[in-house]
């Protein structure tokens, strides 16, 4: 059959390479949103943000695993889905897990948003789920998704995975019984039931005028409606091209698969329109830049630790004040700096100064001292590295 036909090796290599690139980009975007939500205390304290993290996690899992599988298929076809049966089964499991978890998490999030809108409209107190309850609900969705994903592994069920169009392994009907099972059991469990639930609660909220009378909850409801629309926009064409529309061109099927891989990327980009998530991402990027700058500064200081006898380094901020040290004999040590400056290749200024004790210094110093001072800036703060050499 053309529906399960195998394209040429060169064509498959190009298709899998393209899918691998798109999948890894989507996985990175989803992972960024997930980590930002979990690492920012102010963001993860909001239960709706936890649901958002639980929503992007299946996208990351699906995209990352698909990127690895496509890389193996393109680089080492003898280890890919066409030659290793368990690779085909594995791809079917993680793909269906991601496919099932996304609409069910959308349904769960939509249910909580509708509860919030209803309470807002009738001036009632909204009691949302606790963090533990939110984690439990997300875990139940994941368990259901994994259960549905493993149906292809259960003996006796008319449900098997095949490499559709030679590109990816997904469940497909192979006779009348399997077709009936696919559309009457698998399709509702995968997509039709959560979409029907979302449709019902959306119509109910619209009839009650909950969205029109909402104040602060309105922006949240609109945000989750956009998340749902992104899912439908990217997955409806894929389902049509893979399972319903007869394919006469393999590149059309590849385009449908590529379109579905972009869903995780666009969902992550949409998450950045949420102000608290956007601010958390900015803080994370600032922290990464500061750490990188400080690491570079530390490496520069380490390279300068080549003193002859003694070496001491001090880091202080620009606003720091150094108080004079008092010896046991209450004698004060003062120094006079004669400095010259020159530009260094790193772009900063390097200041080299000679020190000599004051004439009234009570301790006899017969040594010649030199100080090498490097000034650099990192994260909006000035750092000075001082290397004291006693000869």
Protein backbone atom coordinates (compact mmCIF):
# COMPACT_ATOMS: atom_id res chain seq x y z
CA UNK A 1 0.00 0.00 0.00
CA UNK A 2 1.12 3.52 -0.70
CA UNK A 3 -0.08 4.50 2.78
CA UNK A 4 2.65 2.34 4.28
CA UNK A 5 5.06 2.46 1.36
CA UNK A 6 8.78 2.94 1.92
CA UNK A 7 10.40 5.92 0.12
CA UNK A 8 13.96 5.76 -1.16
CA UNK A 9 16.89 5.85 1.25
CA UNK A 10 18.05 9.33 0.20
CA UNK A 11 14.54 10.73 0.61
CA UNK A 12 14.18 9.18 4.06
CA UNK A 13 17.56 10.57 5.12
CA UNK A 14 16.50 14.11 4.19
CA UNK A 15 13.11 13.75 5.88
CA UNK A 16 14.48 12.32 9.11
CA UNK A 17 17.21 14.95 9.29
CA UNK A 18 14.63 17.70 8.96
CA UNK A 19 12.42 16.14 11.61
CA UNK A 20 15.37 15.75 13.99
CA UNK A 21 16.25 19.45 13.76
CA UNK A 22 12.67 20.61 14.28
CA UNK A 23 12.12 18.13 17.12
CA UNK A 24 15.22 19.20 19.06
CA UNK A 25 14.33 22.89 18.71
CA UNK A 26 10.81 22.22 20.02
CA UNK A 27 12.22 20.09 22.85
CA UNK A 28 14.56 22.89 23.91
CA UNK A 29 11.74 25.45 23.96
CA UNK A 30 9.46 23.16 25.99
CA UNK A 31 12.25 22.30 28.43
CA UNK A 32 12.99 26.00 28.95
CA UNK A 33 9.39 26.77 29.91
CA UNK A 34 9.19 23.71 32.17
CA UNK A 35 12.42 24.54 34.03
CA UNK A 36 11.55 28.23 34.38
CA UNK A 37 8.21 27.42 36.00
CA UNK A 38 9.68 24.89 38.42
CA UNK A 39 12.73 26.95 39.43
CA UNK A 40 10.90 30.25 40.03
CA UNK A 41 9.12 30.10 43.43
CA UNK A 42 6.72 32.94 42.62
CA UNK A 43 5.69 31.25 39.36
CA UNK A 44 5.29 27.68 40.57
CA UNK A 45 3.18 28.82 43.54
CA UNK A 46 0.36 29.43 41.03
CA UNK A 47 -1.51 26.18 40.40
CA UNK A 48 -2.36 27.22 36.84
CA UNK A 49 1.35 27.56 36.10
CA UNK A 50 1.88 24.03 37.42
CA UNK A 51 -0.75 22.82 34.97
CA UNK A 52 1.10 24.75 32.29
CA UNK A 53 4.33 22.96 33.20
CA UNK A 54 2.49 19.64 33.10
CA UNK A 55 1.18 20.61 29.67
CA UNK A 56 4.59 21.33 28.11
CA UNK A 57 6.29 18.28 29.68
CA UNK A 58 4.67 15.76 27.25
CA UNK A 59 5.63 18.06 24.37
CA UNK A 60 9.26 17.94 25.52
CA UNK A 61 9.19 14.17 25.99
CA UNK A 62 7.68 13.55 22.57
CA UNK A 63 9.94 16.01 20.74
CA UNK A 64 13.16 14.92 22.45
CA UNK A 65 12.54 11.19 21.92
CA UNK A 66 11.50 11.79 18.33
CA UNK A 67 14.65 13.82 17.72
CA UNK A 68 16.79 10.94 18.98
CA UNK A 69 14.89 8.35 16.92
CA UNK A 70 15.09 10.43 13.74
CA UNK A 71 18.81 10.97 14.29
CA UNK A 72 19.37 7.22 14.62
CA UNK A 73 17.23 6.53 11.54
CA UNK A 74 19.18 9.04 9.47
CA UNK A 75 22.69 8.25 10.75
CA UNK A 76 22.42 4.47 11.21
CA UNK A 77 19.40 3.07 9.32
CA UNK A 78 20.34 -0.49 10.28
CA UNK A 79 19.48 0.44 13.89
CA UNK A 80 16.29 2.31 13.00
CA UNK A 81 12.61 1.51 12.95
CA UNK A 82 12.78 -0.44 9.68
CA UNK A 83 15.24 -3.03 10.95
CA UNK A 84 14.77 -3.16 14.74
CA UNK A 85 11.19 -4.10 15.75
CA UNK A 86 11.40 -2.79 19.29
CA UNK A 87 12.49 0.63 17.97
CA UNK A 88 9.22 0.81 16.05
CA UNK A 89 7.24 -0.20 19.14
CA UNK A 90 9.11 2.29 21.30
CA UNK A 91 8.41 5.16 18.93
CA UNK A 92 4.73 4.31 18.88
CA UNK A 93 4.60 4.31 22.70
CA UNK A 94 6.26 7.69 23.28
CA UNK A 95 4.38 9.32 20.39
CA UNK A 96 0.98 8.16 21.63
CA UNK A 97 1.91 9.15 25.20
CA UNK A 98 2.52 12.71 24.03
CA UNK A 99 -0.56 12.72 21.81
CA UNK A 100 -2.86 11.54 24.62
CA UNK A 101 -1.38 13.62 27.46
CA UNK A 102 -1.71 16.96 25.65
CA UNK A 103 -5.50 17.01 25.02
CA UNK A 104 -6.27 15.54 28.45
CA UNK A 105 -4.09 18.15 30.19
CA UNK A 106 -5.85 20.81 28.12
CA UNK A 107 -9.16 19.43 29.34
CA UNK A 108 -8.00 19.49 32.97
CA UNK A 109 -6.72 23.06 32.68
CA UNK A 110 -9.92 24.14 30.91
CA UNK A 111 -12.03 22.66 33.69
CA UNK A 112 -10.21 24.70 36.35
CA UNK A 113 -10.45 27.86 34.25
CA UNK A 114 -14.21 27.37 33.85
CA UNK A 115 -14.56 26.89 37.61
CA UNK A 116 -12.69 30.15 38.12
CA UNK A 117 -14.88 32.00 35.60
CA UNK A 118 -18.05 30.62 37.17
CA UNK A 119 -16.99 31.74 40.66
CA UNK A 120 -15.95 35.12 39.31
CA UNK A 121 -19.29 35.68 37.61
CA UNK A 122 -21.40 34.81 40.67
CA UNK A 123 -19.05 36.56 43.13
CA UNK A 124 -18.14 33.33 44.86
CA UNK A 125 -14.83 32.35 46.38
CA UNK A 126 -12.81 30.20 44.06
CA UNK A 127 -11.03 27.39 45.89
CA UNK A 128 -8.50 25.97 43.50
CA UNK A 129 -6.60 22.72 43.88
CA UNK A 130 -3.57 22.67 46.10
CA UNK A 131 -0.14 22.05 44.68
CA UNK A 132 -0.29 18.42 45.80
CA UNK A 133 -3.68 17.99 44.15
CA UNK A 134 -2.41 19.56 40.93
CA UNK A 135 0.58 17.21 40.86
CA UNK A 136 -1.70 14.25 41.57
CA UNK A 137 -4.09 15.23 38.76
CA UNK A 138 -1.23 15.62 36.29
CA UNK A 139 0.18 12.25 37.36
CA UNK A 140 -3.19 10.59 36.75
CA UNK A 141 -3.29 12.08 33.25
CA UNK A 142 0.21 10.76 32.56
CA UNK A 143 -0.75 7.28 33.81
CA UNK A 144 -3.78 7.25 31.53
CA UNK A 145 -1.69 8.41 28.59
CA UNK A 146 0.92 5.71 29.21
CA UNK A 147 -1.82 3.08 29.51
CA UNK A 148 -3.32 4.03 26.15
CA UNK A 149 0.15 4.23 24.59
CA UNK A 150 0.92 0.61 25.54
CA UNK A 151 -2.20 -0.85 23.92
CA UNK A 152 -0.09 -1.85 20.92
CA UNK A 153 1.93 -4.13 23.25
CA UNK A 154 -1.05 -5.99 24.73
CA UNK A 155 -1.52 -9.41 23.10
CA UNK A 156 -4.98 -10.05 21.71
CA UNK A 157 -5.90 -6.42 21.05
CA UNK A 158 -6.46 -5.60 17.35
CA UNK A 159 -4.12 -2.65 17.70
CA UNK A 160 -0.63 -2.63 16.20
CA UNK A 161 2.01 -0.08 15.23
CA UNK A 162 3.29 0.29 11.65
CA UNK A 163 5.74 2.67 10.03
CA UNK A 164 3.31 4.97 8.27
CA UNK A 165 4.63 6.19 4.91
CA UNK A 166 7.93 4.66 6.01
CA UNK A 167 8.62 7.65 8.27
CA UNK A 168 7.23 7.02 11.76
CA UNK A 169 5.70 4.13 13.69
CA UNK A 170 2.14 4.81 14.83
CA UNK A 171 -0.95 2.66 15.47
CA UNK A 172 -2.94 1.96 12.33
CA UNK A 173 -5.75 -0.34 11.27
CA UNK A 174 -4.80 -3.41 9.27
CA UNK A 175 -8.20 -5.11 8.87
CA UNK A 176 -11.89 -4.48 9.61
CA UNK A 177 -11.65 -5.38 13.28
CA UNK A 178 -8.65 -3.17 13.88
CA UNK A 179 -10.31 -0.27 12.04
CA UNK A 180 -13.40 -0.57 14.26
CA UNK A 181 -11.25 -0.72 17.39
CA UNK A 182 -9.22 2.28 16.22
CA UNK A 183 -12.18 4.61 15.61
CA UNK A 184 -14.54 3.43 18.37
CA UNK A 185 -12.06 2.81 21.21
CA UNK A 186 -8.63 4.29 20.54
CA UNK A 187 -9.70 7.58 18.93
CA UNK A 188 -12.12 8.50 21.77
CA UNK A 189 -9.55 7.60 24.43
CA UNK A 190 -6.87 9.54 22.59
CA UNK A 191 -8.62 12.70 21.40
CA UNK A 192 -12.40 12.67 21.01
CA UNK A 193 -13.41 12.46 24.69
CA UNK A 194 -11.20 15.33 25.97
CA UNK A 195 -12.15 17.51 23.00
CA UNK A 196 -15.86 16.83 23.59
CA UNK A 197 -15.43 17.72 27.27
CA UNK A 198 -13.66 20.98 26.40
CA UNK A 199 -16.42 21.81 23.91
CA UNK A 200 -19.15 21.22 26.51
CA UNK A 201 -17.59 23.36 29.25
CA UNK A 202 -16.74 26.10 26.74
CA UNK A 203 -20.33 26.26 25.48
CA UNK A 204 -21.60 26.33 29.04
CA UNK A 205 -19.28 29.20 29.97
CA UNK A 206 -20.33 31.09 26.84
CA UNK A 207 -24.05 30.66 27.56
CA UNK A 208 -23.59 31.86 31.14
CA UNK A 209 -21.67 34.89 29.92
CA UNK A 210 -18.85 33.97 32.27
CA UNK A 211 -16.14 35.32 30.00
CA UNK A 212 -17.88 38.65 29.40
CA UNK A 213 -18.35 39.29 33.12
CA UNK A 214 -14.90 38.11 34.12
CA UNK A 215 -12.35 40.64 35.28
CA UNK A 216 -8.94 39.32 36.23
CA UNK A 217 -9.88 35.78 35.21
CA UNK A 218 -10.59 36.88 31.65
CA UNK A 219 -6.95 37.12 30.59
CA UNK A 220 -6.24 33.69 32.08
CA UNK A 221 -9.18 32.13 30.26
CA UNK A 222 -8.15 33.71 26.95
CA UNK A 223 -4.59 32.45 27.47
CA UNK A 224 -5.68 28.83 27.93
CA UNK A 225 -8.08 29.10 25.00
CA UNK A 226 -5.10 30.09 22.86
CA UNK A 227 -3.12 27.09 24.13
CA UNK A 228 -5.99 24.82 23.10
CA UNK A 229 -6.30 26.47 19.70
CA UNK A 230 -2.56 25.95 19.08
CA UNK A 231 -2.98 22.24 19.83
CA UNK A 232 -5.95 21.93 17.47
CA UNK A 233 -4.31 24.04 14.78
CA UNK A 234 -1.22 21.85 14.66
CA UNK A 235 -2.68 18.40 15.27
CA UNK A 236 -5.90 18.46 13.24
CA UNK A 237 -4.04 18.64 9.88
CA UNK A 238 -1.66 15.89 11.02
CA UNK A 239 -4.48 13.51 11.94
CA UNK A 240 -6.23 14.24 8.65
CA UNK A 241 -3.10 13.63 6.56
CA UNK A 242 -2.02 10.53 8.47
CA UNK A 243 -5.31 8.71 8.93
CA UNK A 244 -8.13 10.16 6.83
CA UNK A 245 -6.97 11.78 3.58
CA UNK A 246 -5.51 9.25 1.08
CA UNK A 247 -1.88 10.11 0.43
CA UNK A 248 -0.47 10.10 -3.08
CA UNK A 249 2.66 12.08 -2.26
CA UNK A 250 5.01 11.13 0.56
CA UNK A 251 6.19 14.72 1.03
CA UNK A 252 2.64 15.73 1.99
CA UNK A 253 2.74 13.24 4.84
CA UNK A 254 6.16 14.53 5.85
CA UNK A 255 4.82 18.09 5.89
CA UNK A 256 1.98 16.98 8.17
CA UNK A 257 4.45 15.38 10.57
CA UNK A 258 6.65 18.47 10.53
CA UNK A 259 3.63 20.65 11.29
CA UNK A 260 2.82 18.52 14.34
CA UNK A 261 6.41 18.79 15.61
CA UNK A 262 6.09 22.58 15.63
CA UNK A 263 3.23 22.42 18.12
CA UNK A 264 5.60 22.22 21.11
CA UNK A 265 7.61 25.20 19.87
CA UNK A 266 4.58 27.43 19.34
CA UNK A 267 3.07 26.42 22.68
CA UNK A 268 6.32 27.45 24.38
CA UNK A 269 6.31 30.77 22.53
CA UNK A 270 2.72 31.34 23.58
CA UNK A 271 3.68 30.66 27.20
CA UNK A 272 6.06 33.61 26.97
CA UNK A 273 3.06 35.93 26.56
CA UNK A 274 2.14 35.17 30.18
CA UNK A 275 3.75 37.99 32.15
CA UNK A 276 4.99 36.02 35.16
CA UNK A 277 6.52 33.31 32.97
CA UNK A 278 8.07 35.96 30.74
CA UNK A 279 9.67 37.72 33.72
CA UNK A 280 10.98 34.41 35.09
CA UNK A 281 12.64 33.67 31.72
CA UNK A 282 14.28 37.11 31.76
CA UNK A 283 15.64 36.53 35.25
CA UNK A 284 16.98 33.14 34.21
CA UNK A 285 18.75 34.65 31.20
CA UNK A 286 20.25 37.38 33.40
CA UNK A 287 21.50 34.77 35.83
CA UNK A 288 23.08 32.74 33.05
CA UNK A 289 24.85 35.80 31.64
CA UNK A 290 26.09 36.82 35.10
CA UNK A 291 27.43 33.33 35.84
CA UNK A 292 29.20 33.16 32.48
CA UNK A 293 30.75 36.58 33.03
CA UNK A 294 31.88 35.68 36.55
CA UNK A 295 33.37 32.40 35.32
CA UNK A 296 35.36 34.32 32.72
CA UNK A 297 36.50 36.77 35.38
CA UNK A 298 37.54 33.91 37.68
CA UNK A 299 39.50 32.27 34.88
CA UNK A 300 41.35 35.53 34.21
CA UNK A 301 42.29 35.80 37.88
CA UNK A 302 43.49 32.20 37.96
CA UNK A 303 45.84 32.84 35.03
CA UNK A 304 47.45 35.70 36.93
CA UNK A 305 48.42 33.59 39.97
CA UNK A 306 52.08 33.28 38.99
CA UNK A 307 53.80 35.11 41.81
CA UNK A 308 57.37 34.52 42.87
CA UNK A 309 56.91 34.10 46.61
CA UNK A 310 53.59 35.29 47.94
CA UNK A 311 50.32 36.11 46.21
CA UNK A 312 47.02 37.37 47.57
CA UNK A 313 43.86 38.16 45.68
CA UNK A 314 41.03 40.39 46.80
CA UNK A 315 37.65 40.93 45.10
CA UNK A 316 35.49 43.80 46.18
CA UNK A 317 32.71 45.94 44.78
CA UNK A 318 33.18 49.44 43.55
CA UNK A 319 31.37 50.91 46.55
CA UNK A 320 33.41 48.95 49.13
CA UNK A 321 35.50 50.92 51.57
CA UNK A 322 38.72 49.58 53.05
CA UNK A 323 39.38 50.56 56.66
CA UNK A 324 42.97 50.91 57.86
CA UNK A 325 44.36 47.95 59.76
CA UNK A 326 45.76 48.52 63.22
CA UNK A 327 48.74 46.49 64.31
CA UNK A 328 49.36 45.44 67.88
CA UNK A 329 51.66 48.39 68.33
CA UNK A 330 48.93 50.68 66.91
CA UNK A 331 51.21 51.58 64.03
CA UNK A 332 49.44 52.44 60.77
CA UNK A 333 50.61 51.16 57.44
CA UNK A 334 50.13 53.62 54.59
CA UNK A 335 51.10 53.37 50.97
CA UNK A 336 51.48 55.82 48.15
CA UNK A 337 50.56 54.57 44.69
CA UNK A 338 52.25 55.78 41.54
CA UNK A 339 50.09 54.27 38.81
CA UNK A 340 50.16 54.12 35.08
CA UNK A 341 47.43 52.59 32.92
CA UNK A 342 47.31 50.93 29.57
CA UNK A 343 44.64 49.04 27.61
CA UNK A 344 44.71 45.28 27.57
CA UNK A 345 43.60 42.99 24.73
CA UNK A 346 40.53 42.06 26.77
CA UNK A 347 39.24 45.57 26.37
CA UNK A 348 39.57 46.57 30.04
CA UNK A 349 42.19 48.74 31.68
CA UNK A 350 45.22 47.24 33.39
CA UNK A 351 46.77 49.34 36.13
CA UNK A 352 50.27 48.62 37.41
CA UNK A 353 51.48 50.50 40.49
CA UNK A 354 54.58 50.56 42.69
CA UNK A 355 54.17 50.79 46.46
CA UNK A 356 56.48 52.25 49.04
CA UNK A 357 55.88 52.65 52.79
CA UNK A 358 55.43 56.07 54.33
CA UNK A 359 58.49 57.59 55.95
CA UNK A 360 56.97 57.39 59.44
CA UNK A 361 56.21 53.65 59.12
CA UNK A 362 57.42 52.09 62.35
CA UNK A 363 58.36 48.70 60.93
CA UNK A 364 61.57 48.48 58.97
CA UNK A 365 60.75 47.27 55.50
CA UNK A 366 63.70 46.37 53.36
CA UNK A 367 61.66 44.66 50.65
CA UNK A 368 60.46 45.93 47.31
CA UNK A 369 56.72 45.44 46.80
CA UNK A 370 54.71 45.56 43.60
CA UNK A 371 51.01 45.35 43.04
CA UNK A 372 49.26 44.35 39.83
CA UNK A 373 45.62 45.38 39.67
CA UNK A 374 43.11 44.34 36.98
CA UNK A 375 39.74 46.04 36.86
CA UNK A 376 36.83 44.32 35.12
CA UNK A 377 33.08 44.63 35.12
CA UNK A 378 30.60 41.77 35.49
CA UNK A 379 26.84 41.90 35.92
CA UNK A 380 26.81 45.66 36.49
CA UNK A 381 29.46 45.44 39.25
CA UNK A 382 33.13 46.33 39.19
CA UNK A 383 35.66 43.74 40.33
CA UNK A 384 39.30 44.44 41.12
CA UNK A 385 41.91 41.72 41.24
CA UNK A 386 45.01 42.66 43.24
CA UNK A 387 48.17 40.58 43.05
CA UNK A 388 50.69 41.60 45.73
CA UNK A 389 54.27 40.46 45.10
CA UNK A 390 56.94 40.75 47.78
CA UNK A 391 60.45 40.40 46.40
